């Protein structure tokens, strides 16, 4: 099944997962951002910036009581100016 330009990921967590309870209990949405640090300014950070894979940085914030994932993807090495579609 093609999801088009958007992707959907279903996440399940074990009871002993070290993630915050809000992330385990409440479904979240994710948004790609150009500058993760700037996007976090003035926000309630739930999970600090981290890198789950090379070229990707993520963090979680709380927005209106719900977890929101912010994702920064490094531009490809052949595109030092960044990705225009963000």
PDB file of N, CA and C in Angstrom:
ATOM      1  N   UNK A   1       0.844  -1.159   0.000  1.00  0.00           N
ATOM      2  CA  UNK A   1       0.000   0.000   0.000  1.00  0.00           C
ATOM      3  C   UNK A   1       0.901   1.236   0.000  1.00  0.00           C
ATOM      4  N   UNK A   2       0.619   2.168  -0.876  1.00  0.00           N
ATOM      5  CA  UNK A   2       1.391   3.396  -0.953  1.00  0.00           C
ATOM      6  C   UNK A   2       0.763   4.453  -0.054  1.00  0.00           C
ATOM      7  N   UNK A   3       1.594   5.098   0.736  1.00  0.00           N
ATOM      8  CA  UNK A   3       1.110   6.153   1.623  1.00  0.00           C
ATOM      9  C   UNK A   3       1.290   7.531   0.998  1.00  0.00           C
ATOM     10  N   UNK A   4       1.793   7.577  -0.223  1.00  0.00           N
ATOM     11  CA  UNK A   4       2.039   8.865  -0.857  1.00  0.00           C
ATOM     12  C   UNK A   4       3.175   9.583  -0.160  1.00  0.00           C
ATOM     13  N   UNK A   5       3.129  10.913  -0.130  1.00  0.00           N
ATOM     14  CA  UNK A   5       4.228  11.650   0.487  1.00  0.00           C
ATOM     15  C   UNK A   5       4.238  11.568   2.016  1.00  0.00           C
ATOM     16  N   UNK A   6       3.155  11.123   2.611  1.00  0.00           N
ATOM     17  CA  UNK A   6       3.077  10.990   4.068  1.00  0.00           C
ATOM     18  C   UNK A   6       3.313   9.540   4.453  1.00  0.00           C
ATOM     19  N   UNK A   7       3.750   9.335   5.661  1.00  0.00           N
ATOM     20  CA  UNK A   7       3.961   7.979   6.150  1.00  0.00           C
ATOM     21  C   UNK A   7       3.188   7.769   7.434  1.00  0.00           C
ATOM     22  N   UNK A   8       2.811   6.536   7.673  1.00  0.00           N
ATOM     23  CA  UNK A   8       2.117   6.183   8.907  1.00  0.00           C
ATOM     24  C   UNK A   8       2.908   5.071   9.571  1.00  0.00           C
ATOM     25  N   UNK A   9       3.138   5.217  10.851  1.00  0.00           N
ATOM     26  CA  UNK A   9       3.892   4.232  11.614  1.00  0.00           C
ATOM     27  C   UNK A   9       3.093   3.927  12.874  1.00  0.00           C
ATOM     28  N   UNK A  10       2.841   2.671  13.136  1.00  0.00           N
ATOM     29  CA  UNK A  10       2.119   2.271  14.338  1.00  0.00           C
ATOM     30  C   UNK A  10       3.148   1.810  15.353  1.00  0.00           C
ATOM     31  N   UNK A  11       3.093   2.362  16.560  1.00  0.00           N
ATOM     32  CA  UNK A  11       4.076   2.024  17.584  1.00  0.00           C
ATOM     33  C   UNK A  11       3.378   1.383  18.777  1.00  0.00           C
ATOM     34  N   UNK A  12       3.984   0.312  19.279  1.00  0.00           N
ATOM     35  CA  UNK A  12       3.516  -0.349  20.497  1.00  0.00           C
ATOM     36  C   UNK A  12       4.684  -0.400  21.462  1.00  0.00           C
ATOM     37  N   UNK A  13       4.396  -0.304  22.742  1.00  0.00           N
ATOM     38  CA  UNK A  13       5.451  -0.272  23.739  1.00  0.00           C
ATOM     39  C   UNK A  13       5.208  -1.333  24.800  1.00  0.00           C
ATOM     40  N   UNK A  14       6.267  -1.988  25.219  1.00  0.00           N
ATOM     41  CA  UNK A  14       6.196  -2.944  26.317  1.00  0.00           C
ATOM     42  C   UNK A  14       5.952  -2.166  27.613  1.00  0.00           C
ATOM     43  N   UNK A  15       5.397  -2.831  28.601  1.00  0.00           N
ATOM     44  CA  UNK A  15       5.082  -2.179  29.876  1.00  0.00           C
ATOM     45  C   UNK A  15       6.329  -1.597  30.536  1.00  0.00           C
ATOM     46  N   UNK A  16       7.482  -2.254  30.352  1.00  0.00           N
ATOM     47  CA  UNK A  16       8.709  -1.782  30.995  1.00  0.00           C
ATOM     48  C   UNK A  16       9.542  -0.859  30.100  1.00  0.00           C
ATOM     49  N   UNK A  17       8.958  -0.357  29.029  1.00  0.00           N
ATOM     50  CA  UNK A  17       9.658   0.577  28.149  1.00  0.00           C
ATOM     51  C   UNK A  17      10.089   1.807  28.950  1.00  0.00           C
ATOM     52  N   UNK A  18      11.301   2.310  28.711  1.00  0.00           N
ATOM     53  CA  UNK A  18      11.777   3.476  29.456  1.00  0.00           C
ATOM     54  C   UNK A  18      11.194   4.812  28.974  1.00  0.00           C
ATOM     55  N   UNK A  19      10.360   4.783  27.949  1.00  0.00           N
ATOM     56  CA  UNK A  19       9.792   6.024  27.426  1.00  0.00           C
ATOM     57  C   UNK A  19       8.786   6.624  28.408  1.00  0.00           C
ATOM     58  N   UNK A  20       8.598   7.945  28.360  1.00  0.00           N
ATOM     59  CA  UNK A  20       7.616   8.585  29.248  1.00  0.00           C
ATOM     60  C   UNK A  20       6.216   7.998  29.057  1.00  0.00           C
ATOM     61  N   UNK A  21       5.457   7.948  30.135  1.00  0.00           N
ATOM     62  CA  UNK A  21       4.108   7.389  30.088  1.00  0.00           C
ATOM     63  C   UNK A  21       3.217   8.039  29.047  1.00  0.00           C
ATOM     64  N   UNK A  22       3.350   9.350  28.852  1.00  0.00           N
ATOM     65  CA  UNK A  22       2.524  10.050  27.870  1.00  0.00           C
ATOM     66  C   UNK A  22       2.766   9.511  26.463  1.00  0.00           C
ATOM     67  N   UNK A  23       4.010   9.221  26.128  1.00  0.00           N
ATOM     68  CA  UNK A  23       4.337   8.687  24.795  1.00  0.00           C
ATOM     69  C   UNK A  23       3.766   7.283  24.630  1.00  0.00           C
ATOM     70  N   UNK A  24       3.809   6.491  25.697  1.00  0.00           N
ATOM     71  CA  UNK A  24       3.298   5.117  25.623  1.00  0.00           C
ATOM     72  C   UNK A  24       1.778   5.068  25.593  1.00  0.00           C
ATOM     73  N   UNK A  25       1.117   6.036  26.218  1.00  0.00           N
ATOM     74  CA  UNK A  25      -0.335   5.968  26.375  1.00  0.00           C
ATOM     75  C   UNK A  25      -1.132   6.751  25.336  1.00  0.00           C
ATOM     76  N   UNK A  26      -0.540   7.795  24.770  1.00  0.00           N
ATOM     77  CA  UNK A  26      -1.284   8.682  23.869  1.00  0.00           C
ATOM     78  C   UNK A  26      -0.652   8.646  22.478  1.00  0.00           C
ATOM     79  N   UNK A  27      -1.426   8.329  21.438  1.00  0.00           N
ATOM     80  CA  UNK A  27      -0.870   8.361  20.077  1.00  0.00           C
ATOM     81  C   UNK A  27      -0.325   9.758  19.772  1.00  0.00           C
ATOM     82  N   UNK A  28       0.721   9.791  18.961  1.00  0.00           N
ATOM     83  CA  UNK A  28       1.319  11.083  18.643  1.00  0.00           C
ATOM     84  C   UNK A  28       1.435  11.279  17.137  1.00  0.00           C
ATOM     85  N   UNK A  29       1.603  12.523  16.757  1.00  0.00           N
ATOM     86  CA  UNK A  29       1.892  12.870  15.368  1.00  0.00           C
ATOM     87  C   UNK A  29       3.344  13.313  15.313  1.00  0.00           C
ATOM     88  N   UNK A  30       3.898  13.322  14.106  1.00  0.00           N
ATOM     89  CA  UNK A  30       5.282  13.749  13.916  1.00  0.00           C
ATOM     90  C   UNK A  30       5.346  14.760  12.784  1.00  0.00           C
ATOM     91  N   UNK A  31       6.213  15.732  12.955  1.00  0.00           N
ATOM     92  CA  UNK A  31       6.421  16.749  11.936  1.00  0.00           C
ATOM     93  C   UNK A  31       7.906  16.872  11.645  1.00  0.00           C
ATOM     94  N   UNK A  32       8.240  17.018  10.378  1.00  0.00           N
ATOM     95  CA  UNK A  32       9.623  17.261  10.002  1.00  0.00           C
ATOM     96  C   UNK A  32       9.897  18.752  10.121  1.00  0.00           C
ATOM     97  N   UNK A  33      11.027  19.092  10.722  1.00  0.00           N
ATOM     98  CA  UNK A  33      11.427  20.486  10.897  1.00  0.00           C
ATOM     99  C   UNK A  33      12.821  20.685  10.321  1.00  0.00           C
ATOM    100  N   UNK A  34      13.108  21.894   9.894  1.00  0.00           N
ATOM    101  CA  UNK A  34      14.440  22.203   9.353  1.00  0.00           C
ATOM    102  C   UNK A  34      15.481  22.324  10.458  1.00  0.00           C
ATOM    103  N   UNK A  35      15.100  22.906  11.596  1.00  0.00           N
ATOM    104  CA  UNK A  35      16.038  23.194  12.682  1.00  0.00           C
ATOM    105  C   UNK A  35      15.406  22.732  13.992  1.00  0.00           C
ATOM    106  N   UNK A  36      15.835  21.590  14.469  1.00  0.00           N
ATOM    107  CA  UNK A  36      15.237  20.996  15.663  1.00  0.00           C
ATOM    108  C   UNK A  36      15.407  21.898  16.883  1.00  0.00           C
ATOM    109  N   UNK A  37      16.591  22.447  17.061  1.00  0.00           N
ATOM    110  CA  UNK A  37      16.828  23.303  18.229  1.00  0.00           C
ATOM    111  C   UNK A  37      15.896  24.511  18.221  1.00  0.00           C
ATOM    112  N   UNK A  38      15.726  25.132  17.071  1.00  0.00           N
ATOM    113  CA  UNK A  38      14.829  26.290  16.968  1.00  0.00           C
ATOM    114  C   UNK A  38      13.381  25.879  17.235  1.00  0.00           C
ATOM    115  N   UNK A  39      12.984  24.713  16.745  1.00  0.00           N
ATOM    116  CA  UNK A  39      11.613  24.239  16.937  1.00  0.00           C
ATOM    117  C   UNK A  39      11.319  23.926  18.402  1.00  0.00           C
ATOM    118  N   UNK A  40      12.350  23.628  19.182  1.00  0.00           N
ATOM    119  CA  UNK A  40      12.167  23.293  20.597  1.00  0.00           C
ATOM    120  C   UNK A  40      12.112  24.521  21.501  1.00  0.00           C
ATOM    121  N   UNK A  41      12.551  25.672  21.001  1.00  0.00           N
ATOM    122  CA  UNK A  41      12.597  26.882  21.829  1.00  0.00           C
ATOM    123  C   UNK A  41      11.218  27.217  22.384  1.00  0.00           C
ATOM    124  N   UNK A  42      11.163  27.383  23.705  1.00  0.00           N
ATOM    125  CA  UNK A  42       9.923  27.762  24.364  1.00  0.00           C
ATOM    126  C   UNK A  42       8.910  26.644  24.504  1.00  0.00           C
ATOM    127  N   UNK A  43       9.286  25.431  24.154  1.00  0.00           N
ATOM    128  CA  UNK A  43       8.364  24.286  24.219  1.00  0.00           C
ATOM    129  C   UNK A  43       8.664  23.426  25.441  1.00  0.00           C
ATOM    130  N   UNK A  44       7.661  22.672  25.879  1.00  0.00           N
ATOM    131  CA  UNK A  44       7.850  21.692  26.948  1.00  0.00           C
ATOM    132  C   UNK A  44       8.434  20.429  26.322  1.00  0.00           C
ATOM    133  N   UNK A  45       9.718  20.175  26.576  1.00  0.00           N
ATOM    134  CA  UNK A  45      10.400  19.028  25.976  1.00  0.00           C
ATOM    135  C   UNK A  45      10.110  17.784  26.808  1.00  0.00           C
ATOM    136  N   UNK A  46       9.588  16.771  26.159  1.00  0.00           N
ATOM    137  CA  UNK A  46       9.258  15.501  26.807  1.00  0.00           C
ATOM    138  C   UNK A  46      10.413  14.513  26.668  1.00  0.00           C
ATOM    139  N   UNK A  47      10.995  14.433  25.472  1.00  0.00           N
ATOM    140  CA  UNK A  47      12.175  13.603  25.212  1.00  0.00           C
ATOM    141  C   UNK A  47      13.195  14.504  24.535  1.00  0.00           C
ATOM    142  N   UNK A  48      14.362  14.619  25.128  1.00  0.00           N
ATOM    143  CA  UNK A  48      15.418  15.489  24.611  1.00  0.00           C
ATOM    144  C   UNK A  48      15.883  15.030  23.230  1.00  0.00           C
ATOM    145  N   UNK A  49      16.481  15.943  22.468  1.00  0.00           N
ATOM    146  CA  UNK A  49      16.979  15.579  21.140  1.00  0.00           C
ATOM    147  C   UNK A  49      17.919  14.375  21.212  1.00  0.00           C
ATOM    148  N   UNK A  50      17.730  13.466  20.276  1.00  0.00           N
ATOM    149  CA  UNK A  50      18.572  12.279  20.177  1.00  0.00           C
ATOM    150  C   UNK A  50      18.611  11.849  18.723  1.00  0.00           C
ATOM    151  N   UNK A  51      19.498  10.921  18.413  1.00  0.00           N
ATOM    152  CA  UNK A  51      19.671  10.481  17.029  1.00  0.00           C
ATOM    153  C   UNK A  51      19.438   8.976  16.929  1.00  0.00           C
ATOM    154  N   UNK A  52      18.233   8.567  16.510  1.00  0.00           N
ATOM    155  CA  UNK A  52      17.940   7.140  16.395  1.00  0.00           C
ATOM    156  C   UNK A  52      18.643   6.475  15.217  1.00  0.00           C
ATOM    157  N   UNK A  53      19.062   7.275  14.229  1.00  0.00           N
ATOM    158  CA  UNK A  53      19.814   6.742  13.090  1.00  0.00           C
ATOM    159  C   UNK A  53      20.622   7.874  12.465  1.00  0.00           C
ATOM    160  N   UNK A  54      21.609   7.506  11.679  1.00  0.00           N
ATOM    161  CA  UNK A  54      22.501   8.494  11.082  1.00  0.00           C
ATOM    162  C   UNK A  54      21.723   9.508  10.245  1.00  0.00           C
ATOM    163  N   UNK A  55      22.007  10.775  10.478  1.00  0.00           N
ATOM    164  CA  UNK A  55      21.373  11.836   9.708  1.00  0.00           C
ATOM    165  C   UNK A  55      19.986  12.223  10.177  1.00  0.00           C
ATOM    166  N   UNK A  56      19.536  11.624  11.272  1.00  0.00           N
ATOM    167  CA  UNK A  56      18.194  11.908  11.792  1.00  0.00           C
ATOM    168  C   UNK A  56      18.304  12.306  13.261  1.00  0.00           C
ATOM    169  N   UNK A  57      17.645  13.397  13.614  1.00  0.00           N
ATOM    170  CA  UNK A  57      17.547  13.822  15.012  1.00  0.00           C
ATOM    171  C   UNK A  57      16.071  13.990  15.339  1.00  0.00           C
ATOM    172  N   UNK A  58      15.681  13.529  16.513  1.00  0.00           N
ATOM    173  CA  UNK A  58      14.285  13.631  16.934  1.00  0.00           C
ATOM    174  C   UNK A  58      14.200  14.137  18.371  1.00  0.00           C
ATOM    175  N   UNK A  59      13.058  14.686  18.697  1.00  0.00           N
ATOM    176  CA  UNK A  59      12.731  15.077  20.065  1.00  0.00           C
ATOM    177  C   UNK A  59      11.211  15.050  20.170  1.00  0.00           C
ATOM    178  N   UNK A  60      10.726  14.941  21.384  1.00  0.00           N
ATOM    179  CA  UNK A  60       9.282  14.991  21.629  1.00  0.00           C
ATOM    180  C   UNK A  60       8.978  16.199  22.493  1.00  0.00           C
ATOM    181  N   UNK A  61       7.880  16.873  22.163  1.00  0.00           N
ATOM    182  CA  UNK A  61       7.372  17.967  22.974  1.00  0.00           C
ATOM    183  C   UNK A  61       5.950  17.623  23.394  1.00  0.00           C
ATOM    184  N   UNK A  62       5.420  18.411  24.323  1.00  0.00           N
ATOM    185  CA  UNK A  62       4.021  18.276  24.722  1.00  0.00           C
ATOM    186  C   UNK A  62       3.287  19.496  24.178  1.00  0.00           C
ATOM    187  N   UNK A  63       2.235  19.248  23.425  1.00  0.00           N
ATOM    188  CA  UNK A  63       1.425  20.320  22.845  1.00  0.00           C
ATOM    189  C   UNK A  63      -0.037  20.041  23.174  1.00  0.00           C
ATOM    190  N   UNK A  64      -0.652  20.918  23.947  1.00  0.00           N
ATOM    191  CA  UNK A  64      -2.047  20.741  24.370  1.00  0.00           C
ATOM    192  C   UNK A  64      -2.280  19.378  25.018  1.00  0.00           C
ATOM    193  N   UNK A  65      -1.326  18.927  25.818  1.00  0.00           N
ATOM    194  CA  UNK A  65      -1.453  17.677  26.549  1.00  0.00           C
ATOM    195  C   UNK A  65      -1.123  16.420  25.771  1.00  0.00           C
ATOM    196  N   UNK A  66      -0.712  16.564  24.518  1.00  0.00           N
ATOM    197  CA  UNK A  66      -0.403  15.397  23.685  1.00  0.00           C
ATOM    198  C   UNK A  66       1.067  15.418  23.264  1.00  0.00           C
ATOM    199  N   UNK A  67       1.658  14.234  23.090  1.00  0.00           N
ATOM    200  CA  UNK A  67       3.039  14.191  22.623  1.00  0.00           C
ATOM    201  C   UNK A  67       3.114  14.488  21.125  1.00  0.00           C
ATOM    202  N   UNK A  68       4.132  15.240  20.742  1.00  0.00           N
ATOM    203  CA  UNK A  68       4.382  15.561  19.337  1.00  0.00           C
ATOM    204  C   UNK A  68       5.859  15.296  19.077  1.00  0.00           C
ATOM    205  N   UNK A  69       6.139  14.532  18.037  1.00  0.00           N
ATOM    206  CA  UNK A  69       7.514  14.223  17.666  1.00  0.00           C
ATOM    207  C   UNK A  69       7.977  15.212  16.601  1.00  0.00           C
ATOM    208  N   UNK A  70       9.155  15.776  16.809  1.00  0.00           N
ATOM    209  CA  UNK A  70       9.767  16.665  15.830  1.00  0.00           C
ATOM    210  C   UNK A  70      10.985  15.953  15.257  1.00  0.00           C
ATOM    211  N   UNK A  71      11.092  15.938  13.938  1.00  0.00           N
ATOM    212  CA  UNK A  71      12.145  15.186  13.254  1.00  0.00           C
ATOM    213  C   UNK A  71      12.940  16.121  12.360  1.00  0.00           C
ATOM    214  N   UNK A  72      14.257  16.096  12.510  1.00  0.00           N
ATOM    215  CA  UNK A  72      15.157  16.852  11.637  1.00  0.00           C
ATOM    216  C   UNK A  72      15.977  15.840  10.846  1.00  0.00           C
ATOM    217  N   UNK A  73      15.903  15.928   9.527  1.00  0.00           N
ATOM    218  CA  UNK A  73      16.648  15.015   8.661  1.00  0.00           C
ATOM    219  C   UNK A  73      17.731  15.810   7.955  1.00  0.00           C
ATOM    220  N   UNK A  74      18.967  15.365   8.088  1.00  0.00           N
ATOM    221  CA  UNK A  74      20.084  16.052   7.440  1.00  0.00           C
ATOM    222  C   UNK A  74      19.914  15.969   5.929  1.00  0.00           C
ATOM    223  N   UNK A  75      20.269  17.053   5.221  1.00  0.00           N
ATOM    224  CA  UNK A  75      20.165  16.999   3.758  1.00  0.00           C
ATOM    225  C   UNK A  75      21.144  15.973   3.203  1.00  0.00           C
ATOM    226  N   UNK A  76      20.826  15.390   2.056  1.00  0.00           N
ATOM    227  CA  UNK A  76      21.766  14.460   1.430  1.00  0.00           C
ATOM    228  C   UNK A  76      23.104  15.156   1.205  1.00  0.00           C
ATOM    229  N   UNK A  77      24.182  14.406   1.220  1.00  0.00           N
ATOM    230  CA  UNK A  77      25.512  14.996   1.066  1.00  0.00           C
ATOM    231  C   UNK A  77      25.674  15.729  -0.256  1.00  0.00           C
ATOM    232  N   UNK A  78      24.869  15.389  -1.265  1.00  0.00           N
ATOM    233  CA  UNK A  78      24.956  16.080  -2.552  1.00  0.00           C
ATOM    234  C   UNK A  78      24.018  17.282  -2.615  1.00  0.00           C
ATOM    235  N   UNK A  79      23.353  17.618  -1.491  1.00  0.00           N
ATOM    236  CA  UNK A  79      22.428  18.747  -1.438  1.00  0.00           C
ATOM    237  C   UNK A  79      22.705  19.558  -0.170  1.00  0.00           C
ATOM    238  N   UNK A  80      23.841  20.258  -0.113  1.00  0.00           N
ATOM    239  CA  UNK A  80      24.216  20.965   1.113  1.00  0.00           C
ATOM    240  C   UNK A  80      23.270  22.097   1.484  1.00  0.00           C
ATOM    241  N   UNK A  81      22.435  22.538   0.561  1.00  0.00           N
ATOM    242  CA  UNK A  81      21.521  23.641   0.842  1.00  0.00           C
ATOM    243  C   UNK A  81      20.278  23.234   1.592  1.00  0.00           C
ATOM    244  N   UNK A  82      20.004  21.972   1.712  1.00  0.00           N
ATOM    245  CA  UNK A  82      18.812  21.519   2.419  1.00  0.00           C
ATOM    246  C   UNK A  82      17.759  20.992   1.474  1.00  0.00           C
ATOM    247  N   UNK A  83      16.687  20.541   2.072  1.00  0.00           N
ATOM    248  CA  UNK A  83      15.591  19.940   1.319  1.00  0.00           C
ATOM    249  C   UNK A  83      14.478  20.956   1.166  1.00  0.00           C
ATOM    250  N   UNK A  84      14.084  21.232  -0.067  1.00  0.00           N
ATOM    251  CA  UNK A  84      13.069  22.252  -0.325  1.00  0.00           C
ATOM    252  C   UNK A  84      11.662  21.820   0.039  1.00  0.00           C
ATOM    253  N   UNK A  85      11.391  20.527   0.106  1.00  0.00           N
ATOM    254  CA  UNK A  85      10.019  20.079   0.325  1.00  0.00           C
ATOM    255  C   UNK A  85       9.571  20.203   1.769  1.00  0.00           C
ATOM    256  N   UNK A  86      10.430  20.612   2.682  1.00  0.00           N
ATOM    257  CA  UNK A  86      10.015  20.760   4.083  1.00  0.00           C
ATOM    258  C   UNK A  86       9.306  22.042   4.301  1.00  0.00           C
TER     259      UNK A  86
END
